[in-house]
Structure formats: C-alpha cells, structure tokens
N, C-alpha and C. Protein backbone atom coordinates (compact mmCIF):
# COMPACT_ATOMS: atom_id res chain seq x y z
N MET A 1 -11.35 -18.12 -31.69
CA MET A 1 -11.39 -17.04 -33.07
C MET A 1 -11.50 -15.73 -32.18
N ALA A 2 -10.51 -15.09 -32.94
CA ALA A 2 -10.22 -13.56 -31.97
C ALA A 2 -11.17 -12.73 -32.67
N SER A 3 -11.84 -11.94 -31.61
CA SER A 3 -12.61 -10.98 -31.63
C SER A 3 -12.12 -9.84 -32.68
N GLU A 4 -12.57 -8.59 -33.44
CA GLU A 4 -12.19 -7.98 -34.13
C GLU A 4 -13.10 -6.92 -34.49
N MET A 5 -12.44 -5.89 -34.68
CA MET A 5 -12.98 -4.41 -34.41
C MET A 5 -12.95 -3.96 -36.32
N ASN A 6 -14.17 -3.40 -36.82
CA ASN A 6 -13.68 -3.22 -38.37
C ASN A 6 -14.56 -1.98 -38.74
N ILE A 7 -13.62 -0.65 -39.04
CA ILE A 7 -14.19 0.50 -39.34
C ILE A 7 -14.07 0.21 -40.96
N GLN A 8 -14.80 1.37 -41.43
CA GLN A 8 -14.96 1.43 -42.96
C GLN A 8 -14.64 3.11 -43.23
N LEU A 9 -13.90 2.90 -44.08
CA LEU A 9 -13.87 4.64 -44.57
C LEU A 9 -14.03 4.67 -46.40
N ARG A 10 -14.74 5.58 -46.97
CA ARG A 10 -14.78 6.00 -48.06
C ARG A 10 -14.37 7.39 -48.13
N GLN A 11 -14.32 7.51 -49.49
CA GLN A 11 -13.92 9.32 -49.91
C GLN A 11 -15.16 9.64 -50.59
N ILE A 12 -15.04 11.25 -49.65
CA ILE A 12 -16.57 11.78 -50.12
C ILE A 12 -16.07 13.16 -51.10
N SER A 13 -14.91 13.31 -50.96
CA SER A 13 -14.28 14.37 -51.90
C SER A 13 -12.92 14.34 -52.10
N ALA A 14 -12.19 15.29 -52.80
CA ALA A 14 -10.97 15.21 -53.18
C ALA A 14 -10.23 15.27 -52.11
N SER A 15 -10.16 15.50 -51.02
CA SER A 15 -9.43 15.27 -49.45
C SER A 15 -10.07 14.92 -48.08
N THR A 16 -11.33 14.54 -48.73
CA THR A 16 -11.72 14.33 -47.34
C THR A 16 -12.60 12.78 -47.39
N SER A 17 -11.98 11.81 -46.24
CA SER A 17 -12.85 10.90 -46.25
C SER A 17 -13.97 10.39 -45.11
N GLU A 18 -14.70 10.09 -45.01
CA GLU A 18 -15.79 9.56 -43.82
C GLU A 18 -15.09 8.21 -43.04
N ALA A 19 -15.23 8.02 -42.30
CA ALA A 19 -15.01 7.38 -41.48
C ALA A 19 -16.09 6.36 -40.60
N THR A 20 -16.83 5.50 -40.91
CA THR A 20 -17.83 4.48 -40.00
C THR A 20 -17.58 3.97 -39.06
N ILE A 21 -17.52 4.42 -37.67
CA ILE A 21 -17.27 3.72 -36.66
C ILE A 21 -18.28 3.33 -35.74
N GLY A 22 -19.03 1.83 -35.59
CA GLY A 22 -20.70 1.53 -34.85
C GLY A 22 -21.62 2.94 -36.26
N ARG A 23 -21.97 3.33 -34.96
CA ARG A 23 -23.04 4.24 -35.23
C ARG A 23 -22.48 5.55 -35.98
N HIS A 24 -21.61 5.89 -35.83
CA HIS A 24 -20.96 6.73 -35.65
C HIS A 24 -20.14 7.43 -36.74
N GLN A 25 -20.20 8.08 -37.53
CA GLN A 25 -19.55 9.28 -39.12
C GLN A 25 -18.40 10.06 -38.58
N VAL A 26 -17.23 10.29 -38.95
CA VAL A 26 -16.48 11.18 -38.97
C VAL A 26 -15.53 11.66 -39.77
N LEU A 27 -15.85 12.95 -40.42
CA LEU A 27 -15.01 13.27 -41.59
C LEU A 27 -13.53 13.25 -41.27
N ILE A 28 -12.54 12.86 -42.34
CA ILE A 28 -11.18 13.35 -42.01
C ILE A 28 -10.27 13.72 -43.14
N ASP A 29 -10.05 14.91 -42.63
CA ASP A 29 -9.49 16.03 -44.01
C ASP A 29 -8.40 16.25 -43.49
N ARG A 30 -7.53 16.96 -44.23
CA ARG A 30 -6.60 18.05 -44.19
C ARG A 30 -6.41 19.60 -44.05
N PRO A 31 -6.16 20.41 -43.66
CA PRO A 31 -5.98 21.48 -43.39
C PRO A 31 -6.00 22.48 -44.62
N VAL A 32 -6.65 23.67 -44.95
CA VAL A 32 -6.48 23.79 -46.23
C VAL A 32 -4.98 24.39 -46.29
N ALA A 33 -3.74 24.68 -45.78
CA ALA A 33 -2.66 24.95 -46.28
C ALA A 33 -1.91 23.84 -46.56
N LYS A 34 -2.43 22.45 -46.01
CA LYS A 34 -1.96 21.39 -46.81
C LYS A 34 -2.43 20.62 -48.42
N GLY A 35 -3.37 21.48 -48.39
CA GLY A 35 -4.74 20.95 -50.19
C GLY A 35 -5.86 20.30 -49.41
N GLY A 36 -6.36 20.31 -48.53
CA GLY A 36 -7.24 19.98 -47.98
C GLY A 36 -8.52 20.49 -47.73
N SER A 37 -9.57 20.60 -47.45
CA SER A 37 -10.86 21.95 -47.02
C SER A 37 -10.99 21.17 -45.49
N ASP A 38 -10.37 21.24 -44.81
CA ASP A 38 -10.47 21.39 -43.27
C ASP A 38 -12.15 20.77 -43.15
N ALA A 39 -12.46 19.96 -43.31
CA ALA A 39 -13.84 19.17 -43.28
C ALA A 39 -13.95 18.38 -41.96
N GLY A 40 -12.60 17.95 -41.50
CA GLY A 40 -12.66 17.49 -40.08
C GLY A 40 -11.20 17.24 -40.11
N PRO A 41 -10.51 17.05 -38.77
CA PRO A 41 -9.29 16.53 -38.36
C PRO A 41 -8.75 16.20 -39.23
N MET A 42 -6.93 16.04 -38.59
CA MET A 42 -6.51 14.99 -39.80
C MET A 42 -6.25 13.66 -39.34
N GLY A 43 -6.18 12.81 -39.94
CA GLY A 43 -5.51 11.44 -39.49
C GLY A 43 -5.02 11.18 -38.29
N GLY A 44 -3.99 12.13 -38.61
CA GLY A 44 -3.00 12.18 -37.33
C GLY A 44 -3.41 12.48 -36.03
N GLU A 45 -4.19 13.54 -35.86
CA GLU A 45 -4.93 14.00 -35.07
C GLU A 45 -5.84 12.94 -34.30
N LEU A 46 -6.94 12.44 -35.37
CA LEU A 46 -7.60 11.20 -34.67
C LEU A 46 -6.89 10.10 -33.89
N PHE A 47 -5.81 9.50 -34.36
CA PHE A 47 -4.75 8.68 -34.14
C PHE A 47 -4.62 9.00 -32.49
N LEU A 48 -4.32 10.55 -32.61
CA LEU A 48 -3.71 10.61 -31.08
C LEU A 48 -4.96 10.78 -30.17
N ALA A 49 -6.24 11.20 -30.73
CA ALA A 49 -7.77 11.73 -29.75
C ALA A 49 -7.91 10.07 -29.59
N ALA A 50 -7.78 8.98 -30.78
CA ALA A 50 -7.98 7.39 -30.57
C ALA A 50 -7.34 7.02 -29.38
N VAL A 51 -5.90 7.25 -29.22
CA VAL A 51 -5.10 6.42 -27.95
C VAL A 51 -5.14 7.04 -26.99
N GLY A 52 -5.58 8.17 -26.49
CA GLY A 52 -6.19 9.30 -25.53
C GLY A 52 -7.15 8.96 -24.99
N GLY A 53 -8.36 8.55 -25.78
CA GLY A 53 -10.01 7.99 -25.95
C GLY A 53 -9.45 6.44 -24.99
N CYS A 54 -9.16 5.73 -25.72
CA CYS A 54 -8.85 4.30 -25.54
C CYS A 54 -7.97 4.15 -23.71
N PHE A 55 -6.82 5.41 -23.83
CA PHE A 55 -6.71 5.18 -22.41
C PHE A 55 -7.64 5.93 -21.24
N MET A 56 -8.23 7.02 -21.69
CA MET A 56 -8.95 7.28 -21.00
C MET A 56 -10.16 6.23 -20.60
N SER A 57 -10.85 5.83 -21.75
CA SER A 57 -11.59 4.77 -21.36
C SER A 57 -11.38 3.66 -19.98
N ASN A 58 -10.32 3.07 -20.55
CA ASN A 58 -9.72 2.01 -19.53
C ASN A 58 -9.58 2.75 -18.16
N LEU A 59 -8.38 3.76 -18.06
CA LEU A 59 -8.33 4.40 -16.84
C LEU A 59 -9.72 4.85 -16.23
N LEU A 60 -10.92 5.38 -16.68
CA LEU A 60 -12.35 5.59 -15.83
C LEU A 60 -12.41 4.00 -15.72
N ALA A 61 -12.98 3.52 -16.36
CA ALA A 61 -13.35 2.25 -15.74
C ALA A 61 -12.45 1.34 -14.84
N ALA A 62 -11.08 1.69 -14.44
CA ALA A 62 -10.48 1.12 -13.43
C ALA A 62 -10.31 2.18 -12.05
N ILE A 63 -10.72 3.40 -12.11
CA ILE A 63 -11.00 3.82 -11.20
C ILE A 63 -12.21 3.73 -10.99
N LYS A 64 -13.40 3.19 -11.39
CA LYS A 64 -14.75 2.90 -11.13
C LYS A 64 -14.61 1.45 -10.27
N ALA A 65 -14.07 0.90 -11.06
CA ALA A 65 -13.65 -0.74 -10.31
C ALA A 65 -13.51 -0.91 -9.40
N ARG A 66 -12.83 0.06 -9.10
CA ARG A 66 -12.21 0.37 -7.66
C ARG A 66 -12.61 1.24 -6.70
N GLU A 67 -13.48 1.92 -6.82
CA GLU A 67 -14.30 2.80 -6.49
C GLU A 67 -13.43 3.91 -5.79
N ALA A 68 -12.23 4.29 -6.58
CA ALA A 68 -11.88 4.97 -6.18
C ALA A 68 -11.89 6.68 -5.76
N GLU A 69 -11.78 7.28 -5.30
CA GLU A 69 -12.66 8.67 -5.07
C GLU A 69 -11.24 10.02 -5.84
N ILE A 70 -11.49 9.58 -7.64
CA ILE A 70 -10.88 10.11 -8.32
C ILE A 70 -11.93 10.66 -9.31
N GLY A 71 -11.45 12.15 -9.98
CA GLY A 71 -12.49 12.51 -10.74
C GLY A 71 -11.69 14.18 -11.21
N ASP A 72 -12.31 14.39 -12.13
CA ASP A 72 -11.88 15.18 -13.06
C ASP A 72 -10.48 14.75 -13.78
N VAL A 73 -10.33 13.72 -14.15
CA VAL A 73 -9.64 13.05 -15.05
C VAL A 73 -9.17 14.01 -16.36
N ARG A 74 -7.89 14.48 -16.55
CA ARG A 74 -8.10 14.63 -17.84
C ARG A 74 -6.14 14.28 -18.48
N VAL A 75 -6.42 13.96 -19.85
CA VAL A 75 -5.02 13.08 -20.57
C VAL A 75 -4.92 14.08 -21.60
N GLU A 76 -3.61 14.66 -21.73
CA GLU A 76 -3.26 15.59 -22.66
C GLU A 76 -2.13 14.28 -23.73
N VAL A 77 -2.15 14.34 -25.01
CA VAL A 77 -1.59 13.34 -25.58
C VAL A 77 -0.78 14.11 -26.68
N VAL A 78 0.47 14.13 -26.32
CA VAL A 78 1.55 14.86 -27.50
C VAL A 78 2.30 13.88 -28.25
N GLY A 79 2.07 14.16 -29.74
CA GLY A 79 2.72 13.42 -30.54
C GLY A 79 3.78 14.02 -31.01
N ALA A 80 5.40 13.26 -31.10
CA ALA A 80 6.62 13.95 -31.77
C ALA A 80 6.31 13.51 -33.00
N LEU A 81 7.00 14.60 -33.48
CA LEU A 81 6.55 14.39 -35.02
C LEU A 81 8.41 14.44 -35.59
N ALA A 82 8.20 12.94 -36.76
CA ALA A 82 9.51 13.20 -37.79
C ALA A 82 9.48 13.31 -39.11
N ASP A 83 9.87 13.70 -39.53
CA ASP A 83 9.97 13.85 -40.94
C ASP A 83 10.28 12.98 -42.36
N SER A 84 10.07 13.09 -43.26
CA SER A 84 10.63 12.11 -44.19
C SER A 84 10.46 10.94 -44.18
N PRO A 85 9.24 10.14 -44.49
CA PRO A 85 8.35 10.97 -44.50
C PRO A 85 7.72 11.12 -43.13
N ALA A 86 6.54 11.92 -43.36
CA ALA A 86 6.06 12.34 -41.80
C ALA A 86 5.77 11.30 -41.13
N ARG A 87 6.03 11.30 -39.80
CA ARG A 87 5.02 10.22 -39.12
C ARG A 87 5.03 10.67 -37.61
N PHE A 88 4.74 9.82 -36.32
CA PHE A 88 4.86 10.16 -35.06
C PHE A 88 5.99 9.45 -34.57
N ALA A 89 6.85 9.76 -34.09
CA ALA A 89 8.10 9.26 -33.95
C ALA A 89 8.24 8.64 -31.83
N GLY A 90 6.90 9.33 -31.52
CA GLY A 90 6.51 8.78 -30.11
C GLY A 90 5.44 9.66 -29.95
N VAL A 91 4.99 8.93 -28.61
CA VAL A 91 3.58 9.34 -28.19
C VAL A 91 3.56 9.46 -26.62
N GLU A 92 3.25 10.56 -25.96
CA GLU A 92 3.25 10.73 -24.91
C GLU A 92 1.90 11.28 -24.17
N LEU A 93 1.59 10.84 -22.87
CA LEU A 93 0.23 10.87 -22.42
C LEU A 93 0.79 11.38 -21.24
N ARG A 94 0.19 12.67 -20.93
CA ARG A 94 0.45 13.28 -19.48
C ARG A 94 -0.79 12.90 -18.72
N VAL A 95 -1.22 12.71 -17.76
CA VAL A 95 -2.45 12.59 -16.66
C VAL A 95 -2.72 13.14 -15.79
N ALA A 96 -3.53 13.64 -15.51
CA ALA A 96 -3.71 14.59 -14.22
C ALA A 96 -5.11 14.17 -13.86
N ALA A 97 -5.52 14.37 -12.53
CA ALA A 97 -6.52 13.96 -11.96
C ALA A 97 -7.01 14.57 -10.62
N GLU A 98 -7.95 14.61 -9.81
CA GLU A 98 -7.98 14.96 -8.54
C GLU A 98 -8.47 14.12 -7.29
N ARG A 99 -8.03 13.90 -6.34
CA ARG A 99 -8.67 12.98 -5.45
C ARG A 99 -9.60 13.71 -4.26
N HIS A 100 -11.00 13.22 -4.35
CA HIS A 100 -11.58 13.85 -3.78
C HIS A 100 -12.20 12.88 -2.16
N MET A 101 -11.92 13.45 -1.81
CA MET A 101 -12.32 12.75 -0.35
C MET A 101 -13.57 13.40 0.15
N PRO A 102 -14.29 12.43 0.42
CA PRO A 102 -15.51 12.63 1.23
C PRO A 102 -15.63 12.68 2.41
N ILE A 103 -16.40 13.98 3.00
CA ILE A 103 -16.16 14.54 4.41
C ILE A 103 -16.16 13.89 5.67
N ASP A 104 -16.90 12.56 5.42
CA ASP A 104 -16.96 11.49 6.34
C ASP A 104 -15.94 10.96 6.58
N ARG A 105 -15.07 11.26 5.75
CA ARG A 105 -13.32 10.41 5.70
C ARG A 105 -12.71 11.28 5.91
N ASN A 106 -12.68 12.89 6.53
CA ASN A 106 -11.84 13.70 6.57
C ASN A 106 -10.61 13.03 7.63
N PRO A 107 -9.92 13.68 7.39
CA PRO A 107 -8.57 13.37 9.31
C PRO A 107 -9.57 14.10 10.57
N PRO A 108 -9.78 13.29 11.67
CA PRO A 108 -10.52 13.78 12.81
C PRO A 108 -10.47 15.69 12.84
N ALA A 109 -9.16 16.13 12.60
CA ALA A 109 -8.87 17.48 12.75
C ALA A 109 -9.75 18.62 11.76
N MET A 110 -9.99 17.92 10.62
CA MET A 110 -10.85 18.56 9.87
C MET A 110 -12.57 18.49 9.60
N SER A 111 -12.77 17.49 10.81
CA SER A 111 -13.94 17.31 11.02
C SER A 111 -14.20 18.56 12.09
N ARG A 112 -13.48 18.99 12.88
CA ARG A 112 -13.79 19.36 14.22
C ARG A 112 -13.32 21.55 13.57
N LEU A 113 -13.31 21.45 12.40
CA LEU A 113 -13.33 22.84 11.80
C LEU A 113 -15.01 23.41 12.22
N PRO A 114 -14.61 24.75 12.32
CA PRO A 114 -16.74 25.32 12.05
C PRO A 114 -17.08 25.74 10.71
N THR A 115 -17.83 25.15 10.19
CA THR A 115 -18.45 25.00 9.03
C THR A 115 -19.44 26.50 8.77
C-alpha cells in the first residue's frame, strides 16, 4: 500500500484559509489589491516555497550523506506566470552554494602561508 500525505484546509474568513500541515498551521490569503485581507501568502507563493523547500531538504540531505564540504546553500524559485486562466507556465530553481575546504585539506602551497 502506498504512503500518503494529508493536508487539511478550512475557510476562516471571506478570503483566508488555514492549512494544517502536521503540527503546523499556515494562513493562505490574497493581497488587498486582489480582494483579500493579506493575512498570509497566496497559494501560488506557498506552492513555489513548497517546491523550493522540498528540493532544498533533499539537497541538504544529499550533501550530508556524502559528507560534502558545501554550505551556505541558497535556492531561488521563479514561477513564470501565464494568463487566462492565471497559472504557472514554468518553474525554475536557481541554486547557489559555497564550497568549504578545511585548512588541513588545503593545497600544500596554501599551508605554507604565514598566519
């Protein structure tokens, strides 16, 4: 039998819903300019955050499992919008990170520099 995740949503005002995700609650709304009360991010914004968060979580786990010397990982998620109806036409993840090399693994020339 396949595993599944279950997220509950309920309306809490004319434009706001509350998502229950495990022990966490997140408000989802629209900006005032779009008829909402701006009580939380829009669903599309949370979608992009979820895609980025899922990718980042797996990337960090892979870095740890490989004992890679990588840190300061950053992901920017860009959603290209299309109209009629409004939707994402594409999603791009832009990933950056820093490689950290311990002093004891520096090239020999680097280890001879005065400190």
